[in-house]
Amino acid sequence: MKRNGSIGGPMLVLAIAMVTGGWFFQQGADLGRAGFLRGRLFDQVADLVSDNYVDQVDQEQLYDAAIEGLLSSLDDPNSSFLQRDDYENFAIRTGGEYGGVGLEVLDRDGYVTVMNPIPGTPG
């Protein structure tokens, strides 16, 4: 009995998929390993600073300063690091619903002063 289909084509596709999939997986593993090694290097440097610096160093402040330095190196005014308390306050201030006529107001010398209308509102 003669078969119309051949198993050679699908096997070739499967073999190519396995080889390229393995290559892509290895590339991802290399990138993950590089990130791990950089993090490990940073931890080693932080430990050396803590152990050998003249003054006592707060590890949390050291890590926070490193994060702030990383973000400031982006030279992007919209990228910043917020401490937990600062973030919670920011979320409270920006996470509400606003009602009213759509005006931004300030208290100046005890008087309510209209500063700007909020776009898309009746103000």
N, C-alpha and C. Protein backbone atom coordinates (compact mmCIF):
# COMPACT_ATOMS: atom_id res chain seq x y z
N MET A 1 0.84 -1.16 0.00
CA MET A 1 0.00 0.00 0.00
C MET A 1 0.89 1.24 0.00
N LYS A 2 0.60 2.19 -0.86
CA LYS A 2 1.41 3.39 -1.01
C LYS A 2 0.77 4.54 -0.25
N ARG A 3 1.57 5.26 0.52
CA ARG A 3 1.08 6.44 1.25
C ARG A 3 1.32 7.67 0.40
N ASN A 4 0.36 8.60 0.45
CA ASN A 4 0.51 9.84 -0.30
C ASN A 4 1.43 10.81 0.43
N GLY A 5 1.40 10.83 1.75
CA GLY A 5 2.21 11.75 2.53
C GLY A 5 3.54 11.13 2.89
N SER A 6 4.45 11.97 3.23
CA SER A 6 5.76 11.51 3.64
C SER A 6 6.02 12.01 5.05
N ILE A 7 6.71 11.23 5.82
CA ILE A 7 7.04 11.63 7.18
C ILE A 7 8.31 12.48 7.21
N GLY A 8 9.05 12.49 6.13
CA GLY A 8 10.32 13.23 6.08
C GLY A 8 10.14 14.72 6.26
N GLY A 9 9.12 15.31 5.63
CA GLY A 9 8.89 16.76 5.72
C GLY A 9 8.59 17.21 7.15
N PRO A 10 7.59 16.59 7.80
CA PRO A 10 7.31 16.99 9.19
C PRO A 10 8.48 16.74 10.14
N MET A 11 9.23 15.68 9.92
CA MET A 11 10.39 15.41 10.78
C MET A 11 11.46 16.48 10.60
N LEU A 12 11.65 16.92 9.36
CA LEU A 12 12.62 17.97 9.10
C LEU A 12 12.21 19.27 9.80
N VAL A 13 10.93 19.61 9.70
CA VAL A 13 10.42 20.81 10.37
C VAL A 13 10.61 20.69 11.88
N LEU A 14 10.30 19.52 12.43
CA LEU A 14 10.46 19.30 13.87
C LEU A 14 11.93 19.43 14.28
N ALA A 15 12.83 18.88 13.48
CA ALA A 15 14.26 18.96 13.81
C ALA A 15 14.74 20.41 13.78
N ILE A 16 14.31 21.16 12.77
CA ILE A 16 14.71 22.58 12.68
C ILE A 16 14.15 23.36 13.87
N ALA A 17 12.89 23.08 14.22
CA ALA A 17 12.28 23.77 15.36
C ALA A 17 13.03 23.46 16.65
N MET A 18 13.45 22.21 16.82
CA MET A 18 14.18 21.84 18.04
C MET A 18 15.53 22.54 18.10
N VAL A 19 16.23 22.59 16.98
CA VAL A 19 17.55 23.23 16.97
C VAL A 19 17.43 24.72 17.22
N THR A 20 16.53 25.40 16.49
CA THR A 20 16.40 26.85 16.68
C THR A 20 15.82 27.17 18.05
N GLY A 21 14.89 26.35 18.52
CA GLY A 21 14.34 26.56 19.86
C GLY A 21 15.42 26.43 20.93
N GLY A 22 16.28 25.44 20.77
CA GLY A 22 17.39 25.28 21.71
C GLY A 22 18.35 26.45 21.67
N TRP A 23 18.59 26.96 20.46
CA TRP A 23 19.48 28.11 20.33
C TRP A 23 18.89 29.33 21.02
N PHE A 24 17.58 29.61 20.76
CA PHE A 24 16.93 30.75 21.40
C PHE A 24 16.89 30.59 22.92
N PHE A 25 16.64 29.37 23.38
CA PHE A 25 16.62 29.11 24.82
C PHE A 25 17.99 29.39 25.42
N GLN A 26 19.05 28.97 24.74
CA GLN A 26 20.41 29.20 25.22
C GLN A 26 20.73 30.69 25.26
N GLN A 27 20.29 31.44 24.25
CA GLN A 27 20.52 32.89 24.23
C GLN A 27 19.85 33.54 25.44
N GLY A 28 18.61 33.12 25.73
CA GLY A 28 17.91 33.66 26.90
C GLY A 28 18.61 33.29 28.19
N ALA A 29 19.13 32.07 28.26
CA ALA A 29 19.84 31.64 29.45
C ALA A 29 21.11 32.45 29.63
N ASP A 30 21.81 32.74 28.51
CA ASP A 30 23.03 33.55 28.61
C ASP A 30 22.71 34.95 29.12
N LEU A 31 21.61 35.55 28.62
CA LEU A 31 21.23 36.88 29.08
C LEU A 31 20.86 36.85 30.56
N GLY A 32 20.13 35.82 30.97
CA GLY A 32 19.77 35.70 32.38
C GLY A 32 21.00 35.51 33.26
N ARG A 33 21.93 34.72 32.78
CA ARG A 33 23.17 34.49 33.53
C ARG A 33 23.97 35.77 33.65
N ALA A 34 24.04 36.55 32.57
CA ALA A 34 24.78 37.81 32.61
C ALA A 34 24.16 38.77 33.63
N GLY A 35 22.84 38.84 33.64
CA GLY A 35 22.16 39.69 34.63
C GLY A 35 22.42 39.21 36.04
N PHE A 36 22.40 37.89 36.22
CA PHE A 36 22.67 37.31 37.54
C PHE A 36 24.09 37.65 37.98
N LEU A 37 25.05 37.53 37.06
CA LEU A 37 26.44 37.81 37.41
C LEU A 37 26.64 39.28 37.75
N ARG A 38 25.95 40.18 37.01
CA ARG A 38 26.05 41.61 37.34
C ARG A 38 25.48 41.89 38.73
N GLY A 39 24.35 41.28 39.03
CA GLY A 39 23.75 41.46 40.36
C GLY A 39 24.65 40.91 41.45
N ARG A 40 25.25 39.78 41.17
CA ARG A 40 26.17 39.17 42.14
C ARG A 40 27.39 40.06 42.35
N LEU A 41 27.91 40.64 41.26
CA LEU A 41 29.04 41.55 41.36
C LEU A 41 28.67 42.76 42.22
N PHE A 42 27.48 43.31 42.00
CA PHE A 42 27.05 44.45 42.80
C PHE A 42 26.96 44.07 44.27
N ASP A 43 26.41 42.90 44.57
CA ASP A 43 26.32 42.45 45.96
C ASP A 43 27.71 42.32 46.58
N GLN A 44 28.67 41.81 45.82
CA GLN A 44 30.03 41.66 46.34
C GLN A 44 30.64 43.03 46.64
N VAL A 45 30.44 43.98 45.74
CA VAL A 45 30.97 45.33 45.96
C VAL A 45 30.31 45.96 47.17
N ALA A 46 28.99 45.82 47.29
CA ALA A 46 28.27 46.38 48.44
C ALA A 46 28.78 45.76 49.74
N ASP A 47 29.05 44.46 49.73
CA ASP A 47 29.59 43.80 50.93
C ASP A 47 30.99 44.32 51.25
N LEU A 48 31.82 44.51 50.23
CA LEU A 48 33.17 45.05 50.46
C LEU A 48 33.11 46.46 51.05
N VAL A 49 32.21 47.27 50.53
CA VAL A 49 32.06 48.63 51.07
C VAL A 49 31.61 48.56 52.52
N SER A 50 30.62 47.73 52.80
CA SER A 50 30.12 47.62 54.17
C SER A 50 31.19 47.14 55.13
N ASP A 51 32.01 46.20 54.67
CA ASP A 51 33.03 45.62 55.54
C ASP A 51 34.27 46.50 55.70
N ASN A 52 34.60 47.29 54.69
CA ASN A 52 35.90 47.97 54.69
C ASN A 52 35.85 49.49 54.69
N TYR A 53 34.68 50.08 54.53
CA TYR A 53 34.59 51.53 54.51
C TYR A 53 34.85 52.08 55.91
N VAL A 54 35.43 53.25 55.99
CA VAL A 54 35.81 53.85 57.27
C VAL A 54 34.61 54.00 58.19
N ASP A 55 33.53 54.55 57.66
CA ASP A 55 32.31 54.75 58.46
C ASP A 55 31.35 53.59 58.25
N GLN A 56 30.40 53.48 59.16
CA GLN A 56 29.38 52.44 59.02
C GLN A 56 28.44 52.81 57.87
N VAL A 57 28.08 51.82 57.07
CA VAL A 57 27.24 52.05 55.89
C VAL A 57 25.92 51.31 56.07
N ASP A 58 24.82 52.02 55.83
CA ASP A 58 23.50 51.40 55.87
C ASP A 58 23.24 50.74 54.51
N GLN A 59 23.09 49.41 54.51
CA GLN A 59 22.91 48.67 53.26
C GLN A 59 21.70 49.15 52.48
N GLU A 60 20.61 49.44 53.17
CA GLU A 60 19.40 49.88 52.48
C GLU A 60 19.64 51.21 51.77
N GLN A 61 20.33 52.13 52.44
CA GLN A 61 20.65 53.41 51.81
C GLN A 61 21.59 53.22 50.62
N LEU A 62 22.50 52.28 50.74
CA LEU A 62 23.44 51.99 49.66
C LEU A 62 22.69 51.49 48.43
N TYR A 63 21.78 50.56 48.61
CA TYR A 63 21.01 50.02 47.49
C TYR A 63 20.09 51.09 46.91
N ASP A 64 19.45 51.88 47.77
CA ASP A 64 18.57 52.95 47.28
C ASP A 64 19.35 53.95 46.44
N ALA A 65 20.55 54.31 46.90
CA ALA A 65 21.38 55.26 46.16
C ALA A 65 21.80 54.66 44.81
N ALA A 66 22.07 53.36 44.80
CA ALA A 66 22.44 52.71 43.54
C ALA A 66 21.28 52.74 42.55
N ILE A 67 20.08 52.49 43.03
CA ILE A 67 18.90 52.53 42.16
C ILE A 67 18.68 53.94 41.64
N GLU A 68 18.80 54.92 42.53
CA GLU A 68 18.64 56.32 42.11
C GLU A 68 19.70 56.70 41.08
N GLY A 69 20.93 56.24 41.27
CA GLY A 69 22.00 56.51 40.31
C GLY A 69 21.73 55.87 38.96
N LEU A 70 21.23 54.65 38.98
CA LEU A 70 20.90 53.96 37.74
C LEU A 70 19.83 54.72 36.97
N LEU A 71 18.79 55.14 37.66
CA LEU A 71 17.70 55.86 36.99
C LEU A 71 18.13 57.25 36.55
N SER A 72 18.97 57.92 37.34
CA SER A 72 19.41 59.26 36.93
C SER A 72 20.35 59.19 35.73
N SER A 73 21.03 58.07 35.54
CA SER A 73 21.91 57.92 34.38
C SER A 73 21.12 57.85 33.08
N LEU A 74 19.81 57.61 33.17
CA LEU A 74 18.98 57.59 31.97
C LEU A 74 18.75 58.99 31.42
N ASP A 75 19.00 60.00 32.24
CA ASP A 75 18.79 61.40 31.85
C ASP A 75 17.36 61.61 31.35
N ASP A 76 16.41 61.03 32.09
CA ASP A 76 14.99 61.12 31.75
C ASP A 76 14.26 61.70 32.95
N PRO A 77 13.69 62.89 32.82
CA PRO A 77 13.03 63.52 33.97
C PRO A 77 11.80 62.76 34.45
N ASN A 78 11.29 61.82 33.65
CA ASN A 78 10.10 61.07 34.05
C ASN A 78 10.42 59.75 34.72
N SER A 79 11.69 59.40 34.84
CA SER A 79 12.10 58.17 35.50
C SER A 79 12.65 58.52 36.87
N SER A 80 12.02 58.00 37.90
CA SER A 80 12.50 58.29 39.25
C SER A 80 12.16 57.12 40.16
N PHE A 81 12.83 57.08 41.29
CA PHE A 81 12.65 56.03 42.28
C PHE A 81 11.93 56.61 43.48
N LEU A 82 10.83 55.99 43.86
CA LEU A 82 10.07 56.43 45.03
C LEU A 82 10.20 55.39 46.13
N GLN A 83 10.50 55.85 47.33
CA GLN A 83 10.47 54.97 48.49
C GLN A 83 9.03 54.52 48.72
N ARG A 84 8.84 53.46 49.48
CA ARG A 84 7.50 52.90 49.71
C ARG A 84 6.53 53.97 50.21
N ASP A 85 6.90 54.73 51.23
CA ASP A 85 6.00 55.76 51.78
C ASP A 85 5.70 56.83 50.74
N ASP A 86 6.72 57.25 50.00
CA ASP A 86 6.51 58.26 48.96
C ASP A 86 5.57 57.74 47.88
N TYR A 87 5.73 56.46 47.52
CA TYR A 87 4.87 55.88 46.50
C TYR A 87 3.42 55.80 46.99
N GLU A 88 3.24 55.39 48.23
CA GLU A 88 1.88 55.30 48.78
C GLU A 88 1.22 56.67 48.79
N ASN A 89 1.95 57.70 49.20
CA ASN A 89 1.40 59.07 49.17
C ASN A 89 1.09 59.50 47.75
N PHE A 90 1.97 59.19 46.82
CA PHE A 90 1.75 59.53 45.41
C PHE A 90 0.49 58.84 44.89
N ALA A 91 0.33 57.56 45.22
CA ALA A 91 -0.84 56.81 44.76
C ALA A 91 -2.13 57.39 45.34
N ILE A 92 -2.09 57.81 46.58
CA ILE A 92 -3.27 58.41 47.20
C ILE A 92 -3.61 59.73 46.51
N ARG A 93 -2.60 60.55 46.26
CA ARG A 93 -2.84 61.87 45.65
C ARG A 93 -3.34 61.77 44.22
N THR A 94 -2.88 60.75 43.49
CA THR A 94 -3.22 60.69 42.06
C THR A 94 -4.29 59.65 41.73
N GLY A 95 -4.71 58.88 42.70
CA GLY A 95 -5.62 57.77 42.40
C GLY A 95 -7.08 58.04 42.65
N GLY A 96 -7.47 59.26 42.91
CA GLY A 96 -8.86 59.53 43.23
C GLY A 96 -9.68 59.94 42.03
N GLU A 97 -10.96 60.10 42.28
CA GLU A 97 -11.84 60.65 41.27
C GLU A 97 -12.08 62.10 41.61
N TYR A 98 -12.14 62.90 40.59
CA TYR A 98 -12.31 64.33 40.80
C TYR A 98 -13.72 64.72 40.40
N GLY A 99 -14.31 65.54 41.22
CA GLY A 99 -15.64 66.03 40.92
C GLY A 99 -15.60 67.54 40.84
N GLY A 100 -16.68 68.12 40.42
CA GLY A 100 -16.75 69.57 40.39
C GLY A 100 -16.76 70.10 38.97
N VAL A 101 -16.34 71.34 38.83
CA VAL A 101 -16.43 72.02 37.54
C VAL A 101 -15.17 71.91 36.71
N GLY A 102 -14.11 71.32 37.22
CA GLY A 102 -12.91 71.11 36.43
C GLY A 102 -11.92 72.25 36.48
N LEU A 103 -11.71 72.79 37.66
CA LEU A 103 -10.75 73.87 37.82
C LEU A 103 -9.69 73.47 38.83
N GLU A 104 -8.46 73.88 38.56
CA GLU A 104 -7.38 73.69 39.52
C GLU A 104 -7.30 74.96 40.35
N VAL A 105 -7.43 74.79 41.67
CA VAL A 105 -7.44 75.95 42.55
C VAL A 105 -6.35 75.83 43.60
N LEU A 106 -5.91 76.97 44.10
CA LEU A 106 -4.92 77.05 45.17
C LEU A 106 -5.41 78.01 46.23
N ASP A 107 -4.88 77.83 47.42
CA ASP A 107 -5.16 78.76 48.51
C ASP A 107 -4.04 79.79 48.55
N ARG A 108 -4.36 81.03 48.24
CA ARG A 108 -3.37 82.11 48.29
C ARG A 108 -3.84 83.15 49.30
N ASP A 109 -3.09 83.27 50.35
CA ASP A 109 -3.39 84.27 51.39
C ASP A 109 -4.82 84.15 51.89
N GLY A 110 -5.29 82.92 52.02
CA GLY A 110 -6.64 82.70 52.54
C GLY A 110 -7.74 82.83 51.50
N TYR A 111 -7.38 83.07 50.25
CA TYR A 111 -8.38 83.20 49.18
C TYR A 111 -8.23 82.04 48.21
N VAL A 112 -9.34 81.53 47.72
CA VAL A 112 -9.32 80.49 46.70
C VAL A 112 -9.02 81.16 45.37
N THR A 113 -7.96 80.69 44.72
CA THR A 113 -7.53 81.28 43.46
C THR A 113 -7.58 80.22 42.37
N VAL A 114 -8.28 80.50 41.27
CA VAL A 114 -8.35 79.57 40.14
C VAL A 114 -7.04 79.67 39.38
N MET A 115 -6.38 78.52 39.20
CA MET A 115 -5.10 78.50 38.51
C MET A 115 -5.26 78.10 37.04
N ASN A 116 -5.94 76.98 36.80
CA ASN A 116 -6.08 76.45 35.44
C ASN A 116 -7.37 75.66 35.32
N PRO A 117 -7.99 75.66 34.15
CA PRO A 117 -9.06 74.70 33.91
C PRO A 117 -8.44 73.34 33.60
N ILE A 118 -9.12 72.27 33.98
CA ILE A 118 -8.64 70.92 33.68
C ILE A 118 -9.21 70.53 32.32
N PRO A 119 -8.35 70.13 31.37
CA PRO A 119 -8.82 69.80 30.02
C PRO A 119 -9.91 68.71 30.04
N GLY A 120 -10.90 68.88 29.18
CA GLY A 120 -11.96 67.89 29.06
C GLY A 120 -13.04 68.01 30.11
N THR A 121 -13.07 69.12 30.84
CA THR A 121 -14.08 69.33 31.88
C THR A 121 -14.86 70.60 31.56
N PRO A 122 -15.98 70.82 32.26
CA PRO A 122 -16.77 72.01 31.99
C PRO A 122 -16.06 73.33 32.30
N GLY A 123 -15.02 73.29 33.12
CA GLY A 123 -14.32 74.51 33.54
C GLY A 123 -13.64 75.14 32.39
